[in-house]
Amino acid sequence: MFKHELVRDAVYGGLNRNTRRALHSAVADHLRVQGQVRSGEEEVLAEHLQAAERLAESAEIRFAAALTAIGSGLPQHLPPSAE
């Protein structure tokens, strides 16, 4: 990720679509192989996958992260009125 939007825009401006997509794909693969995606940071991987136009994989990561987030916020036992 870029620390400033102007840096990102300058870098992206010099790359064509195919190069940008290939770089995002390589970063996503590296993150997965290295196991560098920590819980709560799945969005970084999902963003790289989306930018690489690997949309199904991006959606899977986001869906799994959403299920984890929902699950961690639910009480162990719902009150009878919630069932």
N, C-alpha and C. Protein backbone atom coordinates (compact mmCIF):
# COMPACT_ATOMS: atom_id res chain seq x y z
N MET A 1 0.83 -1.17 0.00
CA MET A 1 0.00 0.00 0.00
C MET A 1 0.88 1.24 0.00
N PHE A 2 0.38 2.25 -0.66
CA PHE A 2 1.11 3.51 -0.73
C PHE A 2 0.72 4.40 0.46
N LYS A 3 1.70 5.10 0.98
CA LYS A 3 1.44 5.97 2.13
C LYS A 3 0.72 7.24 1.71
N HIS A 4 0.80 7.60 0.44
CA HIS A 4 0.15 8.83 0.00
C HIS A 4 -0.47 8.59 -1.38
N GLU A 5 -1.64 9.17 -1.58
CA GLU A 5 -2.35 8.99 -2.85
C GLU A 5 -1.57 9.51 -4.04
N LEU A 6 -0.84 10.61 -3.87
CA LEU A 6 -0.07 11.17 -4.99
C LEU A 6 1.03 10.22 -5.45
N VAL A 7 1.65 9.52 -4.52
CA VAL A 7 2.68 8.53 -4.88
C VAL A 7 2.03 7.40 -5.67
N ARG A 8 0.90 6.90 -5.15
CA ARG A 8 0.18 5.83 -5.84
C ARG A 8 -0.20 6.27 -7.26
N ASP A 9 -0.76 7.46 -7.38
CA ASP A 9 -1.19 7.94 -8.69
C ASP A 9 -0.01 8.08 -9.66
N ALA A 10 1.13 8.53 -9.15
CA ALA A 10 2.31 8.68 -10.01
C ALA A 10 2.81 7.31 -10.49
N VAL A 11 2.84 6.34 -9.59
CA VAL A 11 3.29 4.99 -9.96
C VAL A 11 2.30 4.37 -10.93
N TYR A 12 1.03 4.42 -10.59
CA TYR A 12 0.01 3.82 -11.46
C TYR A 12 -0.04 4.48 -12.83
N GLY A 13 0.20 5.78 -12.86
CA GLY A 13 0.17 6.50 -14.13
C GLY A 13 1.21 6.01 -15.12
N GLY A 14 2.29 5.45 -14.61
CA GLY A 14 3.36 4.95 -15.47
C GLY A 14 3.21 3.49 -15.85
N LEU A 15 2.16 2.83 -15.39
CA LEU A 15 1.98 1.40 -15.68
C LEU A 15 0.73 1.18 -16.53
N ASN A 16 0.84 0.27 -17.47
CA ASN A 16 -0.38 -0.07 -18.22
C ASN A 16 -1.20 -1.07 -17.42
N ARG A 17 -2.41 -1.29 -17.85
CA ARG A 17 -3.36 -2.14 -17.11
C ARG A 17 -2.82 -3.55 -16.88
N ASN A 18 -2.25 -4.15 -17.91
CA ASN A 18 -1.75 -5.53 -17.79
C ASN A 18 -0.61 -5.64 -16.79
N THR A 19 0.29 -4.67 -16.81
CA THR A 19 1.41 -4.67 -15.86
C THR A 19 0.91 -4.49 -14.44
N ARG A 20 -0.01 -3.54 -14.26
CA ARG A 20 -0.57 -3.30 -12.93
C ARG A 20 -1.27 -4.55 -12.40
N ARG A 21 -2.06 -5.20 -13.26
CA ARG A 21 -2.77 -6.42 -12.87
C ARG A 21 -1.78 -7.53 -12.50
N ALA A 22 -0.72 -7.67 -13.28
CA ALA A 22 0.27 -8.71 -13.01
C ALA A 22 1.01 -8.45 -11.69
N LEU A 23 1.31 -7.19 -11.41
CA LEU A 23 1.98 -6.87 -10.15
C LEU A 23 1.08 -7.14 -8.95
N HIS A 24 -0.18 -6.77 -9.04
CA HIS A 24 -1.11 -7.05 -7.95
C HIS A 24 -1.28 -8.56 -7.74
N SER A 25 -1.31 -9.30 -8.83
CA SER A 25 -1.43 -10.75 -8.74
C SER A 25 -0.22 -11.35 -8.05
N ALA A 26 0.97 -10.85 -8.40
CA ALA A 26 2.21 -11.35 -7.78
C ALA A 26 2.24 -11.04 -6.28
N VAL A 27 1.79 -9.85 -5.91
CA VAL A 27 1.76 -9.49 -4.48
C VAL A 27 0.78 -10.40 -3.74
N ALA A 28 -0.39 -10.63 -4.32
CA ALA A 28 -1.39 -11.50 -3.68
C ALA A 28 -0.82 -12.91 -3.49
N ASP A 29 -0.18 -13.43 -4.52
CA ASP A 29 0.42 -14.77 -4.42
C ASP A 29 1.50 -14.81 -3.35
N HIS A 30 2.32 -13.78 -3.29
CA HIS A 30 3.39 -13.72 -2.29
C HIS A 30 2.79 -13.68 -0.88
N LEU A 31 1.78 -12.88 -0.67
CA LEU A 31 1.14 -12.81 0.64
C LEU A 31 0.60 -14.18 1.06
N ARG A 32 -0.02 -14.88 0.13
CA ARG A 32 -0.58 -16.20 0.45
C ARG A 32 0.50 -17.22 0.75
N VAL A 33 1.54 -17.26 -0.07
CA VAL A 33 2.61 -18.25 0.09
C VAL A 33 3.37 -18.00 1.39
N GLN A 34 3.62 -16.75 1.68
CA GLN A 34 4.39 -16.39 2.87
C GLN A 34 3.55 -16.43 4.14
N GLY A 35 2.24 -16.58 3.98
CA GLY A 35 1.37 -16.60 5.14
C GLY A 35 1.38 -15.27 5.88
N GLN A 36 1.53 -14.19 5.12
CA GLN A 36 1.65 -12.88 5.73
C GLN A 36 0.32 -12.18 5.97
N VAL A 37 -0.77 -12.86 5.72
CA VAL A 37 -2.08 -12.25 5.94
C VAL A 37 -2.54 -12.64 7.33
N ARG A 38 -2.56 -11.67 8.21
CA ARG A 38 -2.98 -11.92 9.58
C ARG A 38 -4.48 -11.72 9.70
N SER A 39 -5.04 -12.33 10.70
CA SER A 39 -6.46 -12.18 10.96
C SER A 39 -6.78 -10.70 11.11
N GLY A 40 -7.82 -10.26 10.43
CA GLY A 40 -8.21 -8.86 10.46
C GLY A 40 -7.60 -8.05 9.34
N GLU A 41 -6.64 -8.62 8.61
CA GLU A 41 -5.98 -7.91 7.52
C GLU A 41 -6.26 -8.57 6.17
N GLU A 42 -7.30 -9.35 6.11
CA GLU A 42 -7.64 -10.04 4.87
C GLU A 42 -7.98 -9.06 3.75
N GLU A 43 -8.41 -7.86 4.12
CA GLU A 43 -8.79 -6.86 3.13
C GLU A 43 -7.63 -6.49 2.22
N VAL A 44 -6.41 -6.50 2.76
CA VAL A 44 -5.23 -6.20 1.94
C VAL A 44 -5.10 -7.22 0.82
N LEU A 45 -5.20 -8.49 1.17
CA LEU A 45 -5.13 -9.55 0.17
C LEU A 45 -6.29 -9.42 -0.82
N ALA A 46 -7.48 -9.19 -0.31
CA ALA A 46 -8.67 -9.08 -1.17
C ALA A 46 -8.53 -7.91 -2.15
N GLU A 47 -7.96 -6.80 -1.71
CA GLU A 47 -7.76 -5.65 -2.60
C GLU A 47 -6.79 -5.98 -3.72
N HIS A 48 -5.69 -6.67 -3.39
CA HIS A 48 -4.73 -7.06 -4.43
C HIS A 48 -5.37 -8.03 -5.42
N LEU A 49 -6.15 -8.97 -4.90
CA LEU A 49 -6.83 -9.92 -5.79
C LEU A 49 -7.82 -9.21 -6.70
N GLN A 50 -8.54 -8.26 -6.16
CA GLN A 50 -9.50 -7.51 -6.98
C GLN A 50 -8.78 -6.70 -8.05
N ALA A 51 -7.70 -6.03 -7.67
CA ALA A 51 -6.94 -5.23 -8.63
C ALA A 51 -6.30 -6.12 -9.71
N ALA A 52 -6.06 -7.38 -9.35
CA ALA A 52 -5.51 -8.34 -10.32
C ALA A 52 -6.62 -8.96 -11.17
N GLU A 53 -7.85 -8.53 -10.92
CA GLU A 53 -9.04 -9.05 -11.60
C GLU A 53 -9.25 -10.53 -11.31
N ARG A 54 -8.87 -10.95 -10.13
CA ARG A 54 -9.13 -12.31 -9.63
C ARG A 54 -10.32 -12.18 -8.67
N LEU A 55 -11.45 -11.85 -9.27
CA LEU A 55 -12.61 -11.43 -8.50
C LEU A 55 -13.21 -12.52 -7.64
N ALA A 56 -13.25 -13.74 -8.13
CA ALA A 56 -13.82 -14.83 -7.33
C ALA A 56 -13.00 -15.06 -6.07
N GLU A 57 -11.68 -15.04 -6.21
CA GLU A 57 -10.81 -15.23 -5.04
C GLU A 57 -10.97 -14.08 -4.05
N SER A 58 -11.07 -12.87 -4.57
CA SER A 58 -11.26 -11.70 -3.71
C SER A 58 -12.57 -11.81 -2.94
N ALA A 59 -13.62 -12.22 -3.63
CA ALA A 59 -14.93 -12.37 -2.98
C ALA A 59 -14.88 -13.45 -1.90
N GLU A 60 -14.19 -14.55 -2.17
CA GLU A 60 -14.08 -15.62 -1.18
C GLU A 60 -13.39 -15.13 0.09
N ILE A 61 -12.31 -14.38 -0.07
CA ILE A 61 -11.56 -13.85 1.08
C ILE A 61 -12.46 -12.91 1.87
N ARG A 62 -13.16 -12.03 1.18
CA ARG A 62 -14.03 -11.06 1.86
C ARG A 62 -15.19 -11.76 2.56
N PHE A 63 -15.75 -12.76 1.93
CA PHE A 63 -16.87 -13.48 2.52
C PHE A 63 -16.41 -14.21 3.79
N ALA A 64 -15.26 -14.88 3.71
CA ALA A 64 -14.73 -15.59 4.89
C ALA A 64 -14.42 -14.61 6.02
N ALA A 65 -13.87 -13.44 5.68
CA ALA A 65 -13.57 -12.43 6.70
C ALA A 65 -14.85 -11.91 7.34
N ALA A 66 -15.88 -11.73 6.52
CA ALA A 66 -17.17 -11.27 7.05
C ALA A 66 -17.77 -12.29 8.00
N LEU A 67 -17.71 -13.56 7.62
CA LEU A 67 -18.24 -14.60 8.50
C LEU A 67 -17.49 -14.66 9.82
N THR A 68 -16.17 -14.49 9.75
CA THR A 68 -15.37 -14.48 10.97
C THR A 68 -15.75 -13.29 11.84
N ALA A 69 -15.91 -12.12 11.22
CA ALA A 69 -16.26 -10.92 11.98
C ALA A 69 -17.64 -11.06 12.62
N ILE A 70 -18.57 -11.60 11.87
CA ILE A 70 -19.93 -11.80 12.40
C ILE A 70 -19.88 -12.79 13.55
N GLY A 71 -19.16 -13.88 13.36
CA GLY A 71 -19.08 -14.91 14.38
C GLY A 71 -18.43 -14.43 15.66
N SER A 72 -17.45 -13.56 15.54
CA SER A 72 -16.77 -13.09 16.74
C SER A 72 -17.60 -12.08 17.52
N GLY A 73 -18.62 -11.54 16.90
CA GLY A 73 -19.45 -10.55 17.59
C GLY A 73 -20.72 -11.10 18.18
N LEU A 74 -21.00 -12.37 17.95
CA LEU A 74 -22.23 -12.95 18.46
C LEU A 74 -22.01 -13.56 19.84
N PRO A 75 -23.00 -13.42 20.71
CA PRO A 75 -22.87 -14.07 22.01
C PRO A 75 -22.91 -15.58 21.85
N GLN A 76 -22.32 -16.28 22.80
CA GLN A 76 -22.29 -17.75 22.76
C GLN A 76 -23.68 -18.33 22.76
N HIS A 77 -24.55 -17.77 23.57
CA HIS A 77 -25.93 -18.28 23.70
C HIS A 77 -26.88 -17.12 23.50
N LEU A 78 -27.73 -17.24 22.52
CA LEU A 78 -28.71 -16.20 22.28
C LEU A 78 -29.83 -16.29 23.30
N PRO A 79 -30.38 -15.16 23.70
CA PRO A 79 -31.53 -15.21 24.60
C PRO A 79 -32.71 -15.87 23.89
N PRO A 80 -33.64 -16.46 24.63
CA PRO A 80 -34.77 -17.16 24.01
C PRO A 80 -35.55 -16.31 23.02
N SER A 81 -35.64 -15.01 23.23
CA SER A 81 -36.41 -14.16 22.34
C SER A 81 -35.73 -13.98 21.00
N ALA A 82 -34.43 -14.26 20.89
CA ALA A 82 -33.68 -14.09 19.66
C ALA A 82 -33.69 -15.34 18.79
N GLU A 83 -34.18 -16.44 19.31
CA GLU A 83 -34.15 -17.69 18.55
C GLU A 83 -35.27 -17.78 17.56
